[in-house]
N, C-alpha and C. Protein backbone atom coordinates (compact mmCIF):
# COMPACT_ATOMS: atom_id res chain seq x y z
N MET A 1 -12.54 9.40 4.62
CA MET A 1 -12.94 8.42 3.69
C MET A 1 -11.26 7.96 3.41
N LEU A 2 -11.27 6.65 3.20
CA LEU A 2 -10.13 6.76 2.27
C LEU A 2 -9.67 6.94 1.23
N GLN A 3 -9.12 7.39 0.68
CA GLN A 3 -8.47 7.99 -1.17
C GLN A 3 -9.00 6.53 -1.49
N LYS A 4 -8.57 6.43 -2.45
CA LYS A 4 -9.08 5.10 -3.75
C LYS A 4 -7.61 4.76 -3.68
N LYS A 5 -6.43 5.41 -3.89
CA LYS A 5 -4.95 5.33 -4.07
C LYS A 5 -4.82 4.75 -2.62
N THR A 6 -5.03 5.06 -1.36
CA THR A 6 -4.94 4.00 -0.08
C THR A 6 -5.57 2.44 -0.11
N LYS A 7 -6.71 2.51 -0.29
CA LYS A 7 -7.46 1.83 -0.74
C LYS A 7 -6.91 0.32 -1.84
N TYR A 8 -6.36 0.53 -2.31
CA TYR A 8 -5.75 0.26 -3.35
C TYR A 8 -4.40 -0.45 -3.20
N ALA A 9 -3.63 0.56 -2.69
CA ALA A 9 -2.51 0.27 -2.26
C ALA A 9 -2.52 -1.14 -0.95
N ILE A 10 -3.66 -0.80 0.02
CA ILE A 10 -3.68 -1.85 1.19
C ILE A 10 -4.46 -3.50 0.32
N LYS A 11 -5.06 -3.35 -0.81
CA LYS A 11 -5.22 -4.42 -1.46
C LYS A 11 -4.47 -4.99 -1.73
N ALA A 12 -3.43 -4.46 -2.83
CA ALA A 12 -2.20 -4.63 -3.46
C ALA A 12 -1.43 -5.21 -2.21
N LEU A 13 -0.79 -4.84 -1.15
CA LEU A 13 -0.19 -5.26 0.26
C LEU A 13 -0.62 -6.35 0.61
N VAL A 14 -1.91 -6.38 0.70
CA VAL A 14 -2.68 -7.96 1.06
C VAL A 14 -2.50 -9.27 -0.08
N ALA A 15 -2.39 -8.87 -1.05
CA ALA A 15 -1.92 -9.64 -2.01
C ALA A 15 -0.71 -10.25 -2.16
N LEU A 16 0.21 -9.28 -1.93
CA LEU A 16 1.89 -9.53 -1.94
C LEU A 16 1.84 -9.96 -0.41
N ALA A 17 1.27 -9.95 0.47
CA ALA A 17 1.33 -10.74 1.69
C ALA A 17 0.81 -12.06 2.27
N LYS A 18 0.10 -11.77 1.05
CA LYS A 18 -0.65 -13.55 0.64
C LYS A 18 0.04 -14.43 0.40
N VAL A 19 1.12 -14.01 -0.39
CA VAL A 19 2.24 -14.68 -0.98
C VAL A 19 3.38 -14.89 -0.75
N TYR A 20 4.05 -14.20 0.60
CA TYR A 20 4.92 -13.49 1.17
C TYR A 20 5.68 -15.07 1.52
N TYR A 21 5.19 -16.24 2.18
CA TYR A 21 6.25 -17.49 2.82
C TYR A 21 6.50 -18.19 1.61
N ASP A 22 5.67 -17.64 -0.16
CA ASP A 22 6.31 -18.18 -1.26
C ASP A 22 7.72 -17.82 -1.66
N LYS A 23 7.67 -17.02 -1.34
CA LYS A 23 8.74 -16.01 -1.69
C LYS A 23 9.35 -15.85 -3.39
N LYS A 24 8.10 -15.45 -4.23
CA LYS A 24 8.33 -15.41 -5.46
C LYS A 24 7.30 -14.11 -5.12
N PRO A 25 7.87 -13.24 -6.67
CA PRO A 25 7.03 -11.82 -6.74
C PRO A 25 5.85 -12.00 -7.24
N LEU A 26 4.87 -11.17 -7.56
CA LEU A 26 3.75 -11.21 -8.20
C LEU A 26 3.82 -9.89 -9.24
N ARG A 27 3.43 -10.59 -10.26
CA ARG A 27 3.23 -9.72 -11.49
C ARG A 27 2.57 -8.49 -11.10
N ILE A 28 2.49 -7.38 -11.78
CA ILE A 28 1.46 -6.17 -11.70
C ILE A 28 0.55 -6.97 -12.14
N SER A 29 0.40 -7.37 -13.40
CA SER A 29 -0.94 -7.96 -13.95
C SER A 29 -2.05 -8.72 -12.82
N LYS A 30 -1.38 -9.86 -12.54
CA LYS A 30 -1.57 -10.77 -11.71
C LYS A 30 -2.41 -9.97 -10.45
N ILE A 31 -1.58 -9.04 -10.01
CA ILE A 31 -2.49 -8.51 -8.70
C ILE A 31 -3.67 -7.40 -9.25
N SER A 32 -3.32 -6.80 -10.51
CA SER A 32 -4.29 -6.04 -11.42
C SER A 32 -5.89 -6.84 -11.58
N GLU A 33 -5.65 -7.93 -11.59
CA GLU A 33 -6.64 -8.70 -12.24
C GLU A 33 -7.39 -9.41 -10.97
N SER A 34 -6.31 -9.80 -9.68
CA SER A 34 -7.07 -9.79 -8.90
C SER A 34 -7.65 -9.53 -8.04
N GLU A 35 -7.20 -8.09 -7.84
CA GLU A 35 -7.74 -6.96 -6.88
C GLU A 35 -8.47 -5.91 -7.61
N LYS A 36 -8.73 -6.36 -8.75
CA LYS A 36 -9.87 -5.12 -9.82
C LYS A 36 -9.49 -3.81 -9.35
N ILE A 37 -7.68 -3.38 -9.85
CA ILE A 37 -7.33 -2.48 -9.41
C ILE A 37 -6.57 -1.89 -11.41
N PRO A 38 -6.70 -0.94 -11.60
CA PRO A 38 -6.76 -0.32 -12.78
C PRO A 38 -5.26 -0.60 -12.81
N ARG A 39 -4.46 -1.22 -13.99
CA ARG A 39 -3.16 -1.04 -13.77
C ARG A 39 -1.70 -0.28 -14.16
N LYS A 40 -2.53 0.66 -14.58
CA LYS A 40 -1.66 2.08 -14.59
C LYS A 40 -1.44 2.35 -12.99
N PHE A 41 -2.63 2.64 -12.75
CA PHE A 41 -3.27 3.44 -11.61
C PHE A 41 -1.95 2.54 -10.34
N LEU A 42 -2.05 0.95 -10.29
CA LEU A 42 -1.63 0.18 -9.88
C LEU A 42 -0.14 0.06 -9.87
N GLU A 43 0.76 0.56 -11.37
CA GLU A 43 1.77 0.83 -11.35
C GLU A 43 2.82 2.07 -10.83
N ALA A 44 1.81 2.96 -10.47
CA ALA A 44 1.97 4.33 -9.70
C ALA A 44 2.07 4.08 -8.19
N ILE A 45 0.99 3.19 -8.05
CA ILE A 45 0.79 2.81 -6.09
C ILE A 45 2.15 2.13 -5.93
N LEU A 46 2.38 1.00 -6.70
CA LEU A 46 3.72 0.17 -6.42
C LEU A 46 4.94 1.03 -6.47
N LEU A 47 5.15 1.97 -7.29
CA LEU A 47 6.37 2.48 -7.44
C LEU A 47 6.19 3.33 -5.84
N GLU A 48 5.13 3.73 -5.48
CA GLU A 48 4.99 4.90 -4.29
C GLU A 48 5.55 3.87 -3.32
N LEU A 49 4.92 2.81 -3.18
CA LEU A 49 5.14 1.83 -1.96
C LEU A 49 6.62 1.40 -1.90
N ARG A 50 6.92 1.00 -3.23
CA ARG A 50 8.50 0.75 -3.28
C ARG A 50 9.30 2.13 -2.37
N HIS A 51 9.44 3.14 -2.72
CA HIS A 51 10.00 4.34 -2.57
C HIS A 51 9.60 4.25 -0.88
N HIS A 52 8.52 3.97 -0.16
CA HIS A 52 8.62 4.11 1.50
C HIS A 52 9.03 2.46 1.84
N GLY A 53 9.52 1.53 0.74
CA GLY A 53 9.91 0.47 1.67
C GLY A 53 9.54 -0.63 1.99
N TYR A 54 8.29 -0.88 1.10
CA TYR A 54 7.28 -1.72 1.84
C TYR A 54 7.20 -2.99 0.46
N VAL A 55 7.64 -2.58 -0.51
CA VAL A 55 7.78 -3.27 -1.44
C VAL A 55 9.20 -3.29 -2.64
N GLY A 56 9.60 -4.62 -2.70
CA GLY A 56 10.82 -4.40 -3.47
C GLY A 56 10.56 -5.18 -4.89
N SER A 57 11.25 -5.10 -6.12
CA SER A 57 10.72 -5.61 -7.48
C SER A 57 12.01 -6.05 -8.11
N LYS A 58 11.68 -7.08 -8.92
CA LYS A 58 12.50 -8.03 -9.85
C LYS A 58 12.23 -8.15 -11.07
N MET A 59 13.47 -7.80 -11.52
CA MET A 59 13.14 -8.04 -13.32
C MET A 59 12.97 -9.10 -14.03
N GLY A 60 12.63 -9.29 -15.01
CA GLY A 60 12.80 -10.73 -15.68
C GLY A 60 11.50 -11.03 -16.01
N VAL A 61 11.21 -12.55 -16.32
CA VAL A 61 10.51 -13.22 -16.09
C VAL A 61 9.64 -14.34 -15.11
N THR A 62 10.80 -14.45 -14.16
CA THR A 62 10.54 -14.48 -13.34
C THR A 62 9.89 -13.29 -11.72
N GLY A 63 9.80 -12.45 -12.74
CA GLY A 63 9.99 -10.92 -11.70
C GLY A 63 8.59 -10.44 -10.95
N GLY A 64 8.65 -9.48 -10.91
CA GLY A 64 6.98 -8.68 -9.82
C GLY A 64 7.47 -8.54 -8.72
N TYR A 65 6.80 -7.89 -7.98
CA TYR A 65 7.04 -7.12 -6.58
C TYR A 65 6.63 -8.22 -5.78
N TYR A 66 7.23 -7.62 -4.40
CA TYR A 66 7.31 -8.57 -3.41
C TYR A 66 7.30 -7.67 -1.92
N LEU A 67 7.06 -8.31 -0.77
CA LEU A 67 7.37 -7.36 0.28
C LEU A 67 8.33 -7.01 0.83
N THR A 68 9.10 -6.13 1.14
CA THR A 68 10.25 -5.95 1.74
C THR A 68 10.54 -6.02 3.19
N LYS A 69 9.10 -6.29 4.18
CA LYS A 69 9.01 -6.39 5.39
C LYS A 69 8.13 -7.60 5.64
N HIS A 70 8.11 -8.39 7.04
CA HIS A 70 6.83 -9.21 7.46
C HIS A 70 5.71 -8.85 7.29
N PRO A 71 4.73 -9.53 7.09
CA PRO A 71 3.24 -8.70 6.79
C PRO A 71 2.96 -8.37 8.16
N GLU A 72 3.73 -8.85 9.29
CA GLU A 72 3.27 -8.36 10.62
C GLU A 72 3.53 -6.89 11.22
N GLU A 73 4.49 -6.60 10.39
CA GLU A 73 5.52 -5.31 10.81
C GLU A 73 4.42 -4.14 10.15
N ILE A 74 3.91 -4.14 8.56
CA ILE A 74 3.26 -2.93 8.14
C ILE A 74 1.73 -3.00 8.57
N MET A 75 1.59 -2.20 9.20
CA MET A 75 0.43 -1.40 9.83
C MET A 75 -0.50 -0.53 8.83
N LEU A 76 -1.48 -0.89 8.88
CA LEU A 76 -2.73 -0.20 8.34
C LEU A 76 -2.28 1.69 8.54
N SER A 77 -1.99 1.69 9.81
CA SER A 77 -1.82 3.25 10.24
C SER A 77 -0.69 3.94 9.29
N HIS A 78 0.51 3.22 9.00
CA HIS A 78 1.96 2.88 7.92
C HIS A 78 1.60 3.60 6.71
N ILE A 79 0.08 2.41 6.28
CA ILE A 79 0.30 2.43 4.74
C ILE A 79 -0.48 3.94 4.20
N ILE A 80 -1.45 4.27 5.38
CA ILE A 80 -2.42 5.38 5.34
C ILE A 80 -1.88 6.58 4.79
N ARG A 81 -0.84 6.89 6.09
CA ARG A 81 0.40 7.78 6.12
C ARG A 81 0.53 8.11 4.77
N SER A 82 1.53 6.91 4.11
CA SER A 82 2.39 7.17 3.02
C SER A 82 1.92 7.47 1.89
N THR A 83 0.50 6.65 1.95
CA THR A 83 -0.41 7.02 0.58
C THR A 83 -1.38 7.96 0.38
N GLY A 84 -2.17 8.45 1.67
CA GLY A 84 -3.12 9.03 1.53
C GLY A 84 -3.36 10.23 2.34
N GLY A 85 -2.26 10.61 3.30
CA GLY A 85 -2.30 11.55 4.20
C GLY A 85 -2.53 11.19 5.29
N PRO A 86 -3.36 12.08 5.80
CA PRO A 86 -3.69 11.70 7.93
C PRO A 86 -4.98 10.81 8.04
N ILE A 87 -4.78 10.58 9.27
CA ILE A 87 -5.90 9.51 9.80
C ILE A 87 -7.35 10.83 10.35
N ALA A 88 -6.58 11.94 10.78
CA ALA A 88 -7.52 12.48 11.17
C ALA A 88 -8.53 13.03 10.29
N LEU A 89 -9.94 13.08 11.23
CA LEU A 89 -10.51 14.18 10.18
C LEU A 89 -10.99 15.21 10.09
N LEU A 90 -10.38 16.01 10.76
CA LEU A 90 -9.83 17.68 10.81
C LEU A 90 -8.63 17.75 10.64
N PRO A 91 -7.88 18.40 9.74
CA PRO A 91 -6.42 19.17 10.13
C PRO A 91 -6.26 19.40 11.40
N CYS A 92 -7.13 20.07 11.69
CA CYS A 92 -6.99 20.68 12.95
C CYS A 92 -6.56 19.80 14.63
N VAL A 93 -6.51 18.28 14.03
CA VAL A 93 -6.05 17.51 14.91
C VAL A 93 -5.09 15.83 14.42
N SER A 94 -4.45 16.52 13.39
CA SER A 94 -3.77 15.80 12.72
C SER A 94 -2.55 15.38 13.61
N LEU A 95 -2.17 14.46 13.31
CA LEU A 95 -0.39 14.63 14.15
C LEU A 95 0.31 14.85 13.61
N ASN A 96 0.25 14.48 11.69
CA ASN A 96 1.52 14.98 10.86
C ASN A 96 1.22 15.97 10.02
N PHE A 97 -0.21 16.53 10.10
CA PHE A 97 -0.63 16.73 8.40
C PHE A 97 -1.49 18.11 9.54
N TYR A 98 -0.57 18.60 10.87
CA TYR A 98 -1.69 19.73 11.48
C TYR A 98 -1.57 21.12 10.42
N GLU A 99 -2.89 21.34 10.88
CA GLU A 99 -3.20 23.28 10.18
C GLU A 99 -3.98 23.39 10.97
N LYS A 100 -4.44 24.27 11.48
CA LYS A 100 -5.21 25.42 11.84
C LYS A 100 -6.53 25.75 11.40
N CYS A 101 -7.57 25.39 11.78
CA CYS A 101 -8.92 25.43 10.89
C CYS A 101 -9.16 27.28 11.37
N GLU A 102 -9.14 27.97 10.24
CA GLU A 102 -9.34 29.09 9.45
C GLU A 102 -10.74 29.96 10.37
N GLU A 103 -11.52 29.17 10.52
CA GLU A 103 -12.85 29.56 11.02
C GLU A 103 -13.14 29.26 12.19
N CYS A 104 -11.94 28.89 12.76
CA CYS A 104 -12.56 28.41 14.59
C CYS A 104 -11.48 29.51 15.29
N PRO A 105 -12.04 30.30 16.27
CA PRO A 105 -11.39 31.25 16.92
C PRO A 105 -10.36 30.51 18.30
N SER A 106 -10.91 29.18 18.73
CA SER A 106 -10.11 28.64 19.15
C SER A 106 -10.34 27.14 19.33
N GLU A 107 -9.05 26.60 19.26
CA GLU A 107 -9.13 25.01 19.56
C GLU A 107 -9.62 24.55 20.84
N GLU A 108 -9.22 25.21 22.00
CA GLU A 108 -9.45 24.74 23.04
C GLU A 108 -10.69 24.57 23.76
N THR A 109 -11.86 25.63 23.16
CA THR A 109 -13.21 25.49 23.08
C THR A 109 -14.17 25.14 22.27
N CYS A 110 -13.41 24.33 20.85
CA CYS A 110 -14.15 24.09 19.81
C CYS A 110 -14.72 22.33 20.00
N SER A 111 -16.10 22.60 20.57
CA SER A 111 -16.40 21.12 20.68
C SER A 111 -16.42 20.33 19.81
N LEU A 112 -16.35 20.38 18.19
CA LEU A 112 -16.29 19.57 17.19
C LEU A 112 -14.80 19.12 17.01
N HIS A 113 -13.56 20.47 17.74
CA HIS A 113 -11.99 19.58 17.74
C HIS A 113 -12.44 18.80 18.95
N ASP A 114 -12.77 18.66 19.61
CA ASP A 114 -12.95 17.90 21.20
C ASP A 114 -13.15 16.52 20.28
N VAL A 115 -14.55 16.39 19.85
CA VAL A 115 -15.02 15.17 19.34
C VAL A 115 -14.51 14.80 18.25
N VAL A 116 -13.50 15.39 17.59
CA VAL A 116 -12.46 14.82 16.19
C VAL A 116 -11.33 13.97 16.80
N LEU A 117 -11.29 14.69 17.67
CA LEU A 117 -9.67 14.42 18.39
C LEU A 117 -10.10 12.69 18.77
N GLU A 118 -11.34 12.77 19.42
CA GLU A 118 -11.16 11.10 20.53
C GLU A 118 -11.01 10.44 19.02
N VAL A 119 -12.14 10.82 18.02
CA VAL A 119 -12.54 9.81 16.88
C VAL A 119 -11.19 9.29 16.51
N ARG A 120 -10.17 10.75 16.30
CA ARG A 120 -9.05 10.11 15.52
C ARG A 120 -8.10 9.47 16.70
N GLU A 121 -8.63 9.48 18.04
CA GLU A 121 -7.31 8.21 18.96
C GLU A 121 -7.92 7.19 18.56
N ALA A 122 -9.49 7.09 18.75
CA ALA A 122 -9.82 5.56 18.83
C ALA A 122 -9.58 4.82 17.20
N SER A 123 -9.41 5.68 16.24
CA SER A 123 -8.92 5.27 14.68
C SER A 123 -7.28 4.93 15.09
N LEU A 124 -6.79 5.75 15.91
CA LEU A 124 -5.06 6.07 15.48
C LEU A 124 -4.86 4.23 16.43
N LYS A 125 -5.82 3.98 17.21
CA LYS A 125 -5.24 3.05 18.16
C LYS A 125 -5.86 1.50 17.29
N ILE A 126 -6.60 1.36 16.91
CA ILE A 126 -7.34 0.20 15.75
C ILE A 126 -6.23 0.05 14.45
N LEU A 127 -6.34 1.09 14.08
CA LEU A 127 -5.04 0.87 12.83
C LEU A 127 -3.78 0.84 13.11
N SER A 128 -3.25 1.58 13.96
CA SER A 128 -1.75 1.21 14.23
C SER A 128 -1.17 0.03 15.26
N LYS A 129 -2.50 -0.93 15.15
CA LYS A 129 -1.84 -2.46 16.06
C LYS A 129 -2.95 -3.56 14.79
N THR A 130 -3.13 -2.94 13.53
CA THR A 130 -3.72 -4.15 12.60
C THR A 130 -2.25 -3.97 11.30
N SER A 131 -2.22 -5.10 11.25
CA SER A 131 -1.16 -5.82 10.28
C SER A 131 -1.78 -6.04 8.98
N LEU A 132 -1.02 -6.51 8.50
CA LEU A 132 -1.69 -7.16 6.72
C LEU A 132 -1.92 -8.39 7.41
N THR A 133 -0.92 -8.92 7.95
CA THR A 133 -1.41 -10.27 8.79
C THR A 133 -2.63 -10.31 8.91
N ASP A 134 -3.11 -8.73 9.73
CA ASP A 134 -4.50 -9.28 10.76
C ASP A 134 -5.56 -9.30 9.72
N LEU A 135 -5.35 -8.21 8.19
CA LEU A 135 -6.44 -8.28 7.86
C LEU A 135 -6.63 -9.98 7.03
N ILE A 136 -5.30 -10.50 6.45
CA ILE A 136 -5.68 -12.07 6.04
C ILE A 136 -6.19 -12.25 6.92
N LEU A 137 -5.89 -12.71 7.87
CA LEU A 137 -6.74 -13.60 9.20
C LEU A 137 -8.34 -12.99 9.33
N LYS A 138 -8.81 -12.00 9.22
CA LYS A 138 -10.04 -11.37 9.36
C LYS A 138 -10.32 -11.80 7.80
N GLU A 139 -10.04 -11.73 6.59
CA GLU A 139 -10.57 -12.33 5.61
C GLU A 139 -11.33 -13.48 5.79
N LYS A 140 -9.77 -14.72 6.22
CA LYS A 140 -10.50 -15.74 6.22
C LYS A 140 -11.78 -16.42 7.28
N LYS A 141 -11.53 -15.50 8.48
CA LYS A 141 -12.68 -15.87 9.19
C LYS A 141 -14.05 -15.02 8.74
N LEU A 142 -14.18 -13.89 7.91
CA LEU A 142 -15.51 -14.05 7.46
C LEU A 142 -15.85 -14.62 6.46
N ILE A 143 -14.79 -15.15 5.64
CA ILE A 143 -15.37 -16.13 4.47
C ILE A 143 -15.91 -17.30 5.46
N ARG A 144 -14.89 -18.18 6.21
CA ARG A 144 -15.41 -18.84 7.09
C ARG A 144 -16.98 -19.13 7.83
N ASN A 145 -16.85 -17.88 8.07
CA ASN A 145 -18.34 -17.43 8.81
C ASN A 145 -19.62 -17.27 7.58
N LEU A 146 -18.96 -17.30 6.12
CA LEU A 146 -20.06 -16.87 5.26
C LEU A 146 -20.56 -18.13 5.15
N LYS A 147 -19.43 -19.27 4.96
CA LYS A 147 -19.81 -20.52 4.47
C LYS A 147 -20.66 -21.64 5.84
N LYS A 148 -21.14 -20.79 6.91
CA LYS A 148 -21.71 -21.47 7.50
C LYS A 148 -23.12 -21.72 7.66
């Protein structure tokens, strides 16, 4: 399950991706209001995203936040790992956050380990090839389908 922080980070990045070509920063208040993200929480999330190199900020009347990378270059797998940790359901199959399960005598013979490993691989395949641009295109398609 995605942490709320990760979900909000994705929503904020998508909002910034939608205005990427306008080359105008978005104010925190605008993102907070349009994406229904608590402002204080959003401030902390944007600072973290800035630290990871996804966004930059500009001070002043025309200031706000903007993407520092093209929306096609920002993949969901990177955002999840940057803000929420592992993609895997269990730590014993995590690529970047591996921990041995204390209650498991052998990963090699654990059927749950094997199944969750398959789930991680399938999830990673999808998340590592899905960009912010892909999310915007999916949203537009869903809206079009709703109107039919």
